[in-house]
Amino acid sequence: MPLALTTGHQVGLAVTAAAFILFALASSFLFPRFRPQYPGGGLPAFIVVCFVFFFGMLTAVEVFGAEPKESGKEPVAEQPTTVEPTTTEQQTSTGQQTTTAPKTTTRVEVSSAIVVKETEFKIAMPSTLTAGKYTFEAKDDGKIPHDLAIKGGPKTKLIQPGGTAELSVTLKPGKYHFYCTVPGHEQAGMKVDVTVS
């Protein structure tokens, strides 16, 4: 899946593979043409060079083929709050007089924003959340369109590469399956099971 790698990683793998292939071709076809006894007396050196190239290729695949490290959970930012003022009547009586004074209280409902990054073929988002109202800001960092859906629930529009879409939901305690609905993407790994407590 070279499409899922960054350009720098693709170049690193290509350079390492090219060096390995050039050495293999040269030692198979070019060197024996000029030295028919190749590797001859230099067999131990040839074996060492082969091992160096072999382990170099393994290391390159490990380094350049690895996905970038995620820093745990994505940053959670607070969205503007919704304030609903309510008025209650409070009666006070002192002897013969009765006065009514309005008392105002506010109920605050907070919506947390979660940044969700989608690439080929991975969804990067927290796997544990607390119950509440969330706005998932899905960003397509890949090279092909994706979307974000909750199994049995709402989904975003199809997001073009570099684009974003929002998915606002209220999550109750339980398990939720987030995935990409584009055919084949969920099976390729674009899914995350989230536990809400």
C-alpha atoms as a PDB file:
ATOM      1  CA  MET A   1       0.000   0.000   0.000  1.00  0.00           C
ATOM      2  CA  PRO A   2       2.536   2.640  -1.072  1.00  0.00           C
ATOM      3  CA  LEU A   3      -0.286   5.201  -1.465  1.00  0.00           C
ATOM      4  CA  ALA A   4      -0.643   5.323   2.313  1.00  0.00           C
ATOM      5  CA  LEU A   5       3.008   6.371   2.774  1.00  0.00           C
ATOM      6  CA  THR A   6       4.237   9.940   2.798  1.00  0.00           C
ATOM      7  CA  THR A   7       6.333  11.133  -0.120  1.00  0.00           C
ATOM      8  CA  GLY A   8       9.502  11.108   1.994  1.00  0.00           C
ATOM      9  CA  HIS A   9       8.917   7.505   3.019  1.00  0.00           C
ATOM     10  CA  GLN A  10       8.186   6.494  -0.572  1.00  0.00           C
ATOM     11  CA  VAL A  11      11.460   8.078  -1.722  1.00  0.00           C
ATOM     12  CA  GLY A  12      13.410   6.436   1.127  1.00  0.00           C
ATOM     13  CA  LEU A  13      12.050   2.996   0.272  1.00  0.00           C
ATOM     14  CA  ALA A  14      12.668   3.532  -3.448  1.00  0.00           C
ATOM     15  CA  VAL A  15      16.308   4.591  -2.932  1.00  0.00           C
ATOM     16  CA  THR A  16      17.038   1.646  -0.631  1.00  0.00           C
ATOM     17  CA  ALA A  17      15.329  -0.805  -2.979  1.00  0.00           C
ATOM     18  CA  ALA A  18      17.228   0.616  -5.969  1.00  0.00           C
ATOM     19  CA  ALA A  19      20.595   0.184  -4.178  1.00  0.00           C
ATOM     20  CA  PHE A  20      19.701  -3.396  -3.219  1.00  0.00           C
ATOM     21  CA  ILE A  21      18.562  -4.249  -6.775  1.00  0.00           C
ATOM     22  CA  LEU A  22      21.640  -2.633  -8.369  1.00  0.00           C
ATOM     23  CA  PHE A  23      23.948  -4.640  -6.102  1.00  0.00           C
ATOM     24  CA  ALA A  24      22.083  -7.873  -6.902  1.00  0.00           C
ATOM     25  CA  LEU A  25      22.188  -7.250 -10.672  1.00  0.00           C
ATOM     26  CA  ALA A  26      25.830  -6.144 -10.646  1.00  0.00           C
ATOM     27  CA  SER A  27      26.969  -9.169  -8.634  1.00  0.00           C
ATOM     28  CA  SER A  28      24.935 -11.509 -10.868  1.00  0.00           C
ATOM     29  CA  PHE A  29      25.759 -10.163 -14.321  1.00  0.00           C
ATOM     30  CA  LEU A  30      28.373  -7.391 -14.328  1.00  0.00           C
ATOM     31  CA  PHE A  31      31.094  -8.531 -11.881  1.00  0.00           C
ATOM     32  CA  PRO A  32      31.329 -12.132 -13.235  1.00  0.00           C
ATOM     33  CA  ARG A  33      31.868 -10.743 -16.745  1.00  0.00           C
ATOM     34  CA  PHE A  34      35.080  -8.975 -15.699  1.00  0.00           C
ATOM     35  CA  ARG A  35      36.140 -11.502 -13.034  1.00  0.00           C
ATOM     36  CA  PRO A  36      35.001 -15.025 -13.996  1.00  0.00           C
ATOM     37  CA  GLN A  37      36.022 -16.381 -10.584  1.00  0.00           C
ATOM     38  CA  TYR A  38      33.854 -13.769  -8.780  1.00  0.00           C
ATOM     39  CA  PRO A  39      33.569 -13.704  -5.799  1.00  0.00           C
ATOM     40  CA  GLY A  40      36.514 -16.152  -5.597  1.00  0.00           C
ATOM     41  CA  GLY A  41      38.872 -15.286  -2.755  1.00  0.00           C
ATOM     42  CA  GLY A  42      36.625 -12.397  -1.720  1.00  0.00           C
ATOM     43  CA  LEU A  43      33.772 -14.714  -0.670  1.00  0.00           C
ATOM     44  CA  PRO A  44      33.794 -13.647   3.034  1.00  0.00           C
ATOM     45  CA  ALA A  45      33.631  -9.961   2.011  1.00  0.00           C
ATOM     46  CA  PHE A  46      30.848 -10.733  -0.492  1.00  0.00           C
ATOM     47  CA  ILE A  47      28.833 -12.508   2.223  1.00  0.00           C
ATOM     48  CA  VAL A  48      29.286  -9.582   4.623  1.00  0.00           C
ATOM     49  CA  VAL A  49      28.156  -7.093   1.938  1.00  0.00           C
ATOM     50  CA  CYS A  50      25.114  -9.290   1.174  1.00  0.00           C
ATOM     51  CA  PHE A  51      24.142  -9.339   4.852  1.00  0.00           C
ATOM     52  CA  VAL A  52      24.625  -5.573   5.124  1.00  0.00           C
ATOM     53  CA  PHE A  53      22.307  -5.000   2.143  1.00  0.00           C
ATOM     54  CA  PHE A  54      19.783  -7.543   3.444  1.00  0.00           C
ATOM     55  CA  PHE A  55      19.557  -6.033   6.923  1.00  0.00           C
ATOM     56  CA  GLY A  56      19.688  -2.533   5.441  1.00  0.00           C
ATOM     57  CA  MET A  57      16.607  -3.351   3.368  1.00  0.00           C
ATOM     58  CA  LEU A  58      14.808  -4.795   6.413  1.00  0.00           C
ATOM     59  CA  THR A  59      15.641  -1.678   8.418  1.00  0.00           C
ATOM     60  CA  ALA A  60      14.463   0.588   5.582  1.00  0.00           C
ATOM     61  CA  VAL A  61      11.137  -1.220   5.415  1.00  0.00           C
ATOM     62  CA  GLU A  62      10.771  -0.931   9.194  1.00  0.00           C
ATOM     63  CA  VAL A  63      11.665   2.775   9.244  1.00  0.00           C
ATOM     64  CA  PHE A  64      10.123   4.044   6.009  1.00  0.00           C
ATOM     65  CA  GLY A  65       7.147   1.666   5.982  1.00  0.00           C
ATOM     66  CA  ALA A  66       6.019   2.571   9.506  1.00  0.00           C
ATOM     67  CA  GLU A  67       3.112   4.934  10.007  1.00  0.00           C
ATOM     68  CA  PRO A  68       3.860   8.165  11.858  1.00  0.00           C
ATOM     69  CA  LYS A  69       3.504   7.936  15.626  1.00  0.00           C
ATOM     70  CA  GLU A  70       0.244   9.315  16.973  1.00  0.00           C
ATOM     71  CA  SER A  71       0.499  11.367  20.141  1.00  0.00           C
ATOM     72  CA  GLY A  72      -2.224   9.412  21.932  1.00  0.00           C
ATOM     73  CA  LYS A  73      -5.540  11.166  21.873  1.00  0.00           C
ATOM     74  CA  GLU A  74      -6.355  13.936  19.471  1.00  0.00           C
ATOM     75  CA  PRO A  75      -6.705  17.389  21.007  1.00  0.00           C
ATOM     76  CA  VAL A  76     -10.139  18.052  22.403  1.00  0.00           C
ATOM     77  CA  ALA A  77     -11.277  21.649  22.092  1.00  0.00           C
ATOM     78  CA  GLU A  78     -14.312  23.227  23.670  1.00  0.00           C
ATOM     79  CA  GLN A  79     -17.012  24.581  21.360  1.00  0.00           C
ATOM     80  CA  PRO A  80     -19.131  27.599  22.214  1.00  0.00           C
ATOM     81  CA  THR A  81     -21.681  26.717  24.864  1.00  0.00           C
ATOM     82  CA  THR A  82     -25.446  26.907  24.573  1.00  0.00           C
ATOM     83  CA  VAL A  83     -27.034  28.914  27.392  1.00  0.00           C
ATOM     84  CA  GLU A  84     -30.748  28.685  28.117  1.00  0.00           C
ATOM     85  CA  PRO A  85     -31.930  31.202  30.718  1.00  0.00           C
ATOM     86  CA  THR A  86     -34.830  30.137  32.920  1.00  0.00           C
ATOM     87  CA  THR A  87     -36.731  32.292  35.372  1.00  0.00           C
ATOM     88  CA  THR A  88     -38.243  31.097  38.624  1.00  0.00           C
ATOM     89  CA  GLU A  89     -40.373  33.059  41.037  1.00  0.00           C
ATOM     90  CA  GLN A  90     -39.216  33.348  44.634  1.00  0.00           C
ATOM     91  CA  GLN A  91     -41.697  34.630  47.178  1.00  0.00           C
ATOM     92  CA  THR A  92     -40.646  36.364  50.358  1.00  0.00           C
ATOM     93  CA  SER A  93     -43.119  37.316  53.040  1.00  0.00           C
ATOM     94  CA  THR A  94     -42.423  39.672  55.926  1.00  0.00           C
ATOM     95  CA  GLY A  95     -45.439  40.184  58.058  1.00  0.00           C
ATOM     96  CA  GLN A  96     -48.134  41.839  55.948  1.00  0.00           C
ATOM     97  CA  GLN A  97     -46.007  42.394  52.794  1.00  0.00           C
ATOM     98  CA  THR A  98     -45.389  39.825  50.082  1.00  0.00           C
ATOM     99  CA  THR A  99     -42.807  40.541  47.378  1.00  0.00           C
ATOM    100  CA  THR A 100     -41.913  38.483  44.368  1.00  0.00           C
ATOM    101  CA  ALA A 101     -38.333  38.657  43.054  1.00  0.00           C
ATOM    102  CA  PRO A 102     -37.298  36.929  39.822  1.00  0.00           C
ATOM    103  CA  LYS A 103     -34.301  34.595  40.133  1.00  0.00           C
ATOM    104  CA  THR A 104     -32.470  33.640  36.896  1.00  0.00           C
ATOM    105  CA  THR A 105     -30.511  30.399  36.517  1.00  0.00           C
ATOM    106  CA  THR A 106     -28.699  29.092  33.471  1.00  0.00           C
ATOM    107  CA  ARG A 107     -28.334  25.587  32.107  1.00  0.00           C
ATOM    108  CA  VAL A 108     -25.107  25.089  30.150  1.00  0.00           C
ATOM    109  CA  GLU A 109     -24.774  22.325  27.564  1.00  0.00           C
ATOM    110  CA  VAL A 110     -21.188  21.842  26.395  1.00  0.00           C
ATOM    111  CA  SER A 111     -20.326  20.316  23.038  1.00  0.00           C
ATOM    112  CA  SER A 112     -16.787  18.960  22.751  1.00  0.00           C
ATOM    113  CA  ALA A 113     -14.984  18.995  19.423  1.00  0.00           C
ATOM    114  CA  ILE A 114     -12.931  15.962  18.412  1.00  0.00           C
ATOM    115  CA  VAL A 115     -10.548  16.144  15.450  1.00  0.00           C
ATOM    116  CA  VAL A 116     -10.700  12.951  13.367  1.00  0.00           C
ATOM    117  CA  LYS A 117      -8.013  12.382  10.729  1.00  0.00           C
ATOM    118  CA  GLU A 118      -8.726   9.991   7.857  1.00  0.00           C
ATOM    119  CA  THR A 119      -6.077   8.595   5.509  1.00  0.00           C
ATOM    120  CA  GLU A 120      -5.696   5.466   3.398  1.00  0.00           C
ATOM    121  CA  PHE A 121      -6.734   3.295   5.230  1.00  0.00           C
ATOM    122  CA  LYS A 122      -6.892   4.498   8.818  1.00  0.00           C
ATOM    123  CA  ILE A 123      -9.061   6.625  11.099  1.00  0.00           C
ATOM    124  CA  ALA A 124      -7.153   8.452  13.853  1.00  0.00           C
ATOM    125  CA  MET A 125      -9.378   9.358  16.802  1.00  0.00           C
ATOM    126  CA  PRO A 126      -9.669   8.585  20.534  1.00  0.00           C
ATOM    127  CA  SER A 127     -10.932   5.101  21.397  1.00  0.00           C
ATOM    128  CA  THR A 128     -12.462   6.134  24.732  1.00  0.00           C
ATOM    129  CA  LEU A 129     -14.777   9.072  25.487  1.00  0.00           C
ATOM    130  CA  THR A 130     -17.124  10.162  28.237  1.00  0.00           C
ATOM    131  CA  ALA A 131     -20.853  10.432  27.605  1.00  0.00           C
ATOM    132  CA  GLY A 132     -21.978  13.774  26.210  1.00  0.00           C
ATOM    133  CA  LYS A 133     -22.480  15.878  23.120  1.00  0.00           C
ATOM    134  CA  TYR A 134     -19.662  15.781  20.562  1.00  0.00           C
ATOM    135  CA  THR A 135     -18.871  17.413  17.253  1.00  0.00           C
ATOM    136  CA  PHE A 136     -16.477  15.228  15.280  1.00  0.00           C
ATOM    137  CA  GLU A 137     -14.496  17.305  12.773  1.00  0.00           C
ATOM    138  CA  ALA A 138     -13.454  14.753  10.152  1.00  0.00           C
ATOM    139  CA  LYS A 139     -10.493  15.823   7.993  1.00  0.00           C
ATOM    140  CA  ASP A 140      -9.514  13.836   4.912  1.00  0.00           C
ATOM    141  CA  ASP A 141      -5.688  13.826   4.968  1.00  0.00           C
ATOM    142  CA  GLY A 142      -5.617  11.113   2.302  1.00  0.00           C
ATOM    143  CA  LYS A 143      -5.500  11.115  -1.472  1.00  0.00           C
ATOM    144  CA  ILE A 144      -9.007   9.752  -2.127  1.00  0.00           C
ATOM    145  CA  PRO A 145     -12.487  10.676  -0.785  1.00  0.00           C
ATOM    146  CA  HIS A 146     -13.673   9.325   2.595  1.00  0.00           C
ATOM    147  CA  ASP A 147     -16.527   9.889   5.037  1.00  0.00           C
ATOM    148  CA  LEU A 148     -17.185   9.199   8.728  1.00  0.00           C
ATOM    149  CA  ALA A 149     -20.166   7.213   9.985  1.00  0.00           C
ATOM    150  CA  ILE A 150     -21.406   5.635  13.189  1.00  0.00           C
ATOM    151  CA  LYS A 151     -22.814   2.119  12.728  1.00  0.00           C
ATOM    152  CA  GLY A 152     -26.604   2.461  12.947  1.00  0.00           C
ATOM    153  CA  GLY A 153     -26.342   6.246  13.231  1.00  0.00           C
ATOM    154  CA  PRO A 154     -25.541   9.400  11.263  1.00  0.00           C
ATOM    155  CA  LYS A 155     -22.710   9.952   8.801  1.00  0.00           C
ATOM    156  CA  THR A 156     -20.933  12.858   7.127  1.00  0.00           C
ATOM    157  CA  LYS A 157     -21.058  13.781   3.484  1.00  0.00           C
ATOM    158  CA  LEU A 158     -18.320  12.396   1.236  1.00  0.00           C
ATOM    159  CA  ILE A 159     -15.148  14.358   2.073  1.00  0.00           C
ATOM    160  CA  GLN A 160     -12.766  15.196  -0.773  1.00  0.00           C
ATOM    161  CA  PRO A 161      -8.986  15.056  -0.114  1.00  0.00           C
ATOM    162  CA  GLY A 162      -7.976  18.015   2.052  1.00  0.00           C
ATOM    163  CA  GLY A 163     -11.604  18.741   2.972  1.00  0.00           C
ATOM    164  CA  THR A 164     -13.465  18.538   6.276  1.00  0.00           C
ATOM    165  CA  ALA A 165     -16.964  17.696   7.460  1.00  0.00           C
ATOM    166  CA  GLU A 166     -18.679  17.740  10.847  1.00  0.00           C
ATOM    167  CA  LEU A 167     -20.709  15.047  12.577  1.00  0.00           C
ATOM    168  CA  SER A 168     -22.604  16.202  15.691  1.00  0.00           C
ATOM    169  CA  VAL A 169     -24.004  13.538  18.012  1.00  0.00           C
ATOM    170  CA  THR A 170     -24.892  12.945  21.640  1.00  0.00           C
ATOM    171  CA  LEU A 171     -23.188   9.771  22.852  1.00  0.00           C
ATOM    172  CA  LYS A 172     -24.601   7.750  25.722  1.00  0.00           C
ATOM    173  CA  PRO A 173     -22.519   5.141  27.594  1.00  0.00           C
ATOM    174  CA  GLY A 174     -21.834   2.100  25.416  1.00  0.00           C
ATOM    175  CA  LYS A 175     -19.773   0.938  22.457  1.00  0.00           C
ATOM    176  CA  TYR A 176     -19.825   2.706  19.082  1.00  0.00           C
ATOM    177  CA  HIS A 177     -18.362   1.604  15.745  1.00  0.00           C
ATOM    178  CA  PHE A 178     -16.987   4.492  13.652  1.00  0.00           C
ATOM    179  CA  TYR A 179     -16.070   3.672  10.046  1.00  0.00           C
ATOM    180  CA  CYS A 180     -15.794   4.895   6.446  1.00  0.00           C
ATOM    181  CA  THR A 181     -18.779   3.862   4.294  1.00  0.00           C
ATOM    182  CA  VAL A 182     -16.888   4.045   0.978  1.00  0.00           C
ATOM    183  CA  PRO A 183     -16.989   0.452  -0.386  1.00  0.00           C
ATOM    184  CA  GLY A 184     -13.953  -1.553   0.724  1.00  0.00           C
ATOM    185  CA  HIS A 185     -12.540   1.093   3.092  1.00  0.00           C
ATOM    186  CA  GLU A 186     -13.894  -0.414   6.321  1.00  0.00           C
ATOM    187  CA  GLN A 187     -12.497  -3.820   5.336  1.00  0.00           C
ATOM    188  CA  ALA A 188      -9.122  -2.184   4.558  1.00  0.00           C
ATOM    189  CA  GLY A 189      -8.898  -0.859   8.132  1.00  0.00           C
ATOM    190  CA  MET A 190     -10.883   2.382   8.236  1.00  0.00           C
ATOM    191  CA  LYS A 191     -12.743   1.581  11.441  1.00  0.00           C
ATOM    192  CA  VAL A 192     -12.454   2.427  15.136  1.00  0.00           C
ATOM    193  CA  ASP A 193     -14.416   0.978  18.056  1.00  0.00           C
ATOM    194  CA  VAL A 194     -15.055   3.685  20.678  1.00  0.00           C
ATOM    195  CA  THR A 195     -16.080   2.988  24.266  1.00  0.00           C
ATOM    196  CA  VAL A 196     -18.165   5.729  25.902  1.00  0.00           C
ATOM    197  CA  SER A 197     -18.400   5.707  29.698  1.00  0.00           C
END
